[in-house]
C-alpha atoms as a PDB file:
ATOM      1  CA  MET A   1     -10.740  12.001 -11.430  1.00  0.00           C
ATOM      2  CA  LYS A   2     -12.880  13.675  -8.791  1.00  0.00           C
ATOM      3  CA  ILE A   3     -11.379  16.769  -7.224  1.00  0.00           C
ATOM      4  CA  ARG A   4     -12.643  17.913  -3.877  1.00  0.00           C
ATOM      5  CA  ASN A   5     -12.438  21.640  -3.211  1.00  0.00           C
ATOM      6  CA  GLY A   6     -12.738  23.157   0.221  1.00  0.00           C
ATOM      7  CA  PHE A   7     -13.173  21.651   3.653  1.00  0.00           C
ATOM      8  CA  VAL A   8     -15.365  18.585   4.131  1.00  0.00           C
ATOM      9  CA  SER A   9     -16.300  17.865   7.726  1.00  0.00           C
ATOM     10  CA  ASN A  10     -16.217  14.349   9.193  1.00  0.00           C
ATOM     11  CA  SER A  11     -13.993  13.137   6.368  1.00  0.00           C
ATOM     12  CA  SER A  12     -10.617  11.579   6.914  1.00  0.00           C
ATOM     13  CA  SER A  13     -10.204  10.104   3.437  1.00  0.00           C
ATOM     14  CA  SER A  14      -7.776  11.371   0.843  1.00  0.00           C
ATOM     15  CA  SER A  15      -8.015  11.020  -2.937  1.00  0.00           C
ATOM     16  CA  PHE A  16      -5.053   9.755  -4.944  1.00  0.00           C
ATOM     17  CA  CYS A  17      -4.024   8.831  -8.478  1.00  0.00           C
ATOM     18  CA  ILE A  18      -0.806   6.811  -8.876  1.00  0.00           C
ATOM     19  CA  LEU A  19       0.827   5.126 -11.861  1.00  0.00           C
ATOM     20  CA  GLY A  20       2.197   2.047 -10.166  1.00  0.00           C
ATOM     21  CA  TYR A  21       1.377  -1.182  -8.382  1.00  0.00           C
ATOM     22  CA  ASP A  22      -0.998  -2.298  -5.683  1.00  0.00           C
ATOM     23  CA  THR A  23       1.004  -3.721  -2.823  1.00  0.00           C
ATOM     24  CA  ASN A  24       1.224  -3.900   0.940  1.00  0.00           C
ATOM     25  CA  LEU A  25       3.457  -2.321   3.542  1.00  0.00           C
ATOM     26  CA  GLU A  26       5.532  -5.436   4.174  1.00  0.00           C
ATOM     27  CA  GLU A  27       6.269  -5.951   0.446  1.00  0.00           C
ATOM     28  CA  VAL A  28       7.453  -2.353   0.064  1.00  0.00           C
ATOM     29  CA  ALA A  29       9.625  -2.593   3.190  1.00  0.00           C
ATOM     30  CA  ALA A  30      11.226  -5.781   1.841  1.00  0.00           C
ATOM     31  CA  ALA A  31      11.798  -4.213  -1.603  1.00  0.00           C
ATOM     32  CA  LEU A  32      13.475  -1.220   0.061  1.00  0.00           C
ATOM     33  CA  LYS A  33      15.484  -3.537   2.333  1.00  0.00           C
ATOM     34  CA  ILE A  34      13.976  -1.954   5.447  1.00  0.00           C
ATOM     35  CA  LYS A  35      13.707  -4.398   8.327  1.00  0.00           C
ATOM     36  CA  MET A  36      10.400  -4.039  10.133  1.00  0.00           C
ATOM     37  CA  THR A  37      11.217  -3.457  13.811  1.00  0.00           C
ATOM     38  CA  ASP A  38       7.773  -4.259  15.220  1.00  0.00           C
ATOM     39  CA  LEU A  39       5.697  -6.826  13.341  1.00  0.00           C
ATOM     40  CA  ASP A  40       2.737  -6.167  15.651  1.00  0.00           C
ATOM     41  CA  ASP A  41       2.823  -2.496  14.670  1.00  0.00           C
ATOM     42  CA  PRO A  42       3.936  -2.269  11.022  1.00  0.00           C
ATOM     43  CA  TYR A  43       3.390   1.491  11.049  1.00  0.00           C
ATOM     44  CA  ALA A  44       6.235   1.939  13.532  1.00  0.00           C
ATOM     45  CA  ASP A  45       8.588   1.998  10.526  1.00  0.00           C
ATOM     46  CA  MET A  46       6.328   4.090   8.278  1.00  0.00           C
ATOM     47  CA  GLU A  47       8.496   7.221   8.411  1.00  0.00           C
ATOM     48  CA  LYS A  48      11.576   5.325   7.186  1.00  0.00           C
ATOM     49  CA  ILE A  49       9.558   3.746   4.393  1.00  0.00           C
ATOM     50  CA  TYR A  50       8.067   7.043   3.212  1.00  0.00           C
ATOM     51  CA  GLU A  51      11.451   8.815   3.338  1.00  0.00           C
ATOM     52  CA  LYS A  52      13.095   6.100   1.252  1.00  0.00           C
ATOM     53  CA  VAL A  53      10.209   5.992  -1.247  1.00  0.00           C
ATOM     54  CA  GLU A  54      10.298   9.784  -1.692  1.00  0.00           C
ATOM     55  CA  SER A  55      14.097   9.844  -2.031  1.00  0.00           C
ATOM     56  CA  MET A  56      13.723   7.465  -4.976  1.00  0.00           C
ATOM     57  CA  GLY A  57      11.130   9.706  -6.649  1.00  0.00           C
ATOM     58  CA  TYR A  58       8.097   7.525  -5.919  1.00  0.00           C
ATOM     59  CA  GLU A  59       4.896   8.026  -3.982  1.00  0.00           C
ATOM     60  CA  ALA A  60       3.310   5.499  -1.610  1.00  0.00           C
ATOM     61  CA  ILE A  61      -0.040   5.399   0.121  1.00  0.00           C
ATOM     62  CA  PHE A  62      -1.293   2.767   2.559  1.00  0.00           C
ATOM     63  CA  SER A  63      -4.586   2.051   4.289  1.00  0.00           C
ATOM     64  CA  GLY A  64      -4.501   2.219   8.059  1.00  0.00           C
ATOM     65  CA  LYS A  65      -6.768  -0.814   8.272  1.00  0.00           C
ATOM     66  CA  ASP A  66      -5.028  -3.612   6.432  1.00  0.00           C
ATOM     67  CA  ASN A  67      -1.608  -2.311   5.290  1.00  0.00           C
ATOM     68  CA  TYR A  68      -2.857  -2.435   1.688  1.00  0.00           C
ATOM     69  CA  GLY A  69      -1.712   0.331  -0.610  1.00  0.00           C
ATOM     70  CA  TYR A  70       0.062   1.512  -3.725  1.00  0.00           C
ATOM     71  CA  ILE A  71       3.535   2.551  -4.813  1.00  0.00           C
ATOM     72  CA  GLY A  72       4.416   4.437  -7.967  1.00  0.00           C
ATOM     73  CA  PHE A  73       4.368   7.895  -9.470  1.00  0.00           C
ATOM     74  CA  SER A  74       1.806  10.447  -8.326  1.00  0.00           C
ATOM     75  CA  LEU A  75      -0.062  11.786 -11.360  1.00  0.00           C
ATOM     76  CA  GLU A  76      -1.497  14.786  -9.557  1.00  0.00           C
ATOM     77  CA  GLY A  77      -0.953  17.955 -11.555  1.00  0.00           C
ATOM     78  CA  LEU A  78       1.211  16.307 -14.232  1.00  0.00           C
ATOM     79  CA  THR A  79       0.909  16.995 -17.943  1.00  0.00           C
ATOM     80  CA  ILE A  80       0.641  14.094 -20.378  1.00  0.00           C
ATOM     81  CA  GLU A  81       4.181  14.890 -21.589  1.00  0.00           C
ATOM     82  CA  LYS A  82       5.568  14.479 -18.072  1.00  0.00           C
ATOM     83  CA  ILE A  83       3.658  11.239 -17.568  1.00  0.00           C
ATOM     84  CA  LEU A  84       5.064   9.845 -20.818  1.00  0.00           C
ATOM     85  CA  GLU A  85       8.608  10.672 -19.644  1.00  0.00           C
ATOM     86  CA  PHE A  86       8.335   7.934 -17.011  1.00  0.00           C
ATOM     87  CA  GLY A  87       8.362   5.373 -19.818  1.00  0.00           C
ATOM     88  CA  ILE A  88      11.199   6.846 -21.899  1.00  0.00           C
ATOM     89  CA  GLN A  89      13.802   7.393 -19.182  1.00  0.00           C
ATOM     90  CA  PRO A  90      16.844   5.117 -19.263  1.00  0.00           C
ATOM     91  CA  ASN A  91      15.958   1.695 -17.864  1.00  0.00           C
ATOM     92  CA  ASP A  92      18.644   1.959 -15.195  1.00  0.00           C
ATOM     93  CA  ALA A  93      17.049   5.065 -13.669  1.00  0.00           C
ATOM     94  CA  ASP A  94      15.189   4.406 -10.422  1.00  0.00           C
ATOM     95  CA  THR A  95      12.653   7.006 -11.494  1.00  0.00           C
ATOM     96  CA  SER A  96      11.714   5.132 -14.668  1.00  0.00           C
ATOM     97  CA  ILE A  97       8.879   2.643 -15.045  1.00  0.00           C
ATOM     98  CA  ALA A  98      11.539  -0.044 -15.507  1.00  0.00           C
ATOM     99  CA  GLY A  99      13.154   1.049 -12.219  1.00  0.00           C
ATOM    100  CA  LEU A 100       9.846   0.755 -10.380  1.00  0.00           C
ATOM    101  CA  ARG A 101       9.177  -2.646 -11.975  1.00  0.00           C
ATOM    102  CA  ARG A 102      12.635  -3.817 -10.905  1.00  0.00           C
ATOM    103  CA  LEU A 103      12.243  -2.469  -7.356  1.00  0.00           C
ATOM    104  CA  MET A 104       8.924  -4.233  -6.874  1.00  0.00           C
ATOM    105  CA  ASN A 105      10.110  -7.353  -8.738  1.00  0.00           C
ATOM    106  CA  ARG A 106       7.149  -7.293 -11.104  1.00  0.00           C
ATOM    107  CA  GLY A 107       6.992  -8.501 -14.682  1.00  0.00           C
ATOM    108  CA  ASN A 108       3.811  -6.639 -15.563  1.00  0.00           C
ATOM    109  CA  GLU A 109       3.470  -2.984 -16.485  1.00  0.00           C
ATOM    110  CA  PRO A 110       2.226  -0.608 -13.792  1.00  0.00           C
ATOM    111  CA  THR A 111      -1.345   0.608 -14.013  1.00  0.00           C
ATOM    112  CA  VAL A 112      -3.148   3.770 -12.984  1.00  0.00           C
ATOM    113  CA  CYS A 113      -4.534   3.257  -9.490  1.00  0.00           C
ATOM    114  CA  SER A 114      -6.928   5.803  -8.053  1.00  0.00           C
ATOM    115  CA  GLY A 115      -9.342   6.057  -5.201  1.00  0.00           C
ATOM    116  CA  GLU A 116      -9.689   7.272  -1.647  1.00  0.00           C
ATOM    117  CA  MET A 117      -8.040   6.100   1.537  1.00  0.00           C
END
């Protein structure tokens, strides 16, 4: 993973590394049972979505252009032991991989997603 140190002018992108799923804003809102109040401006409900995601122990990041993004566990600064814990927690825990899979209604395992937005 590339790590950027210091200030970079004319840059509004942010690097990320998440163990999770690619998704979109509307899918996450539906999974969290958050009704979108303004379909013309999906970011009107962004604060509620981020608060709910964080309260469940997940991280989410979305592109401002097309509502595309990711939900999962941020891997920034984690040791391999901590990362492995996500897979061995009880399946009923929201903060487990099984909990994330259940929330997003996915049958496949999450993958490591990284990039810049």
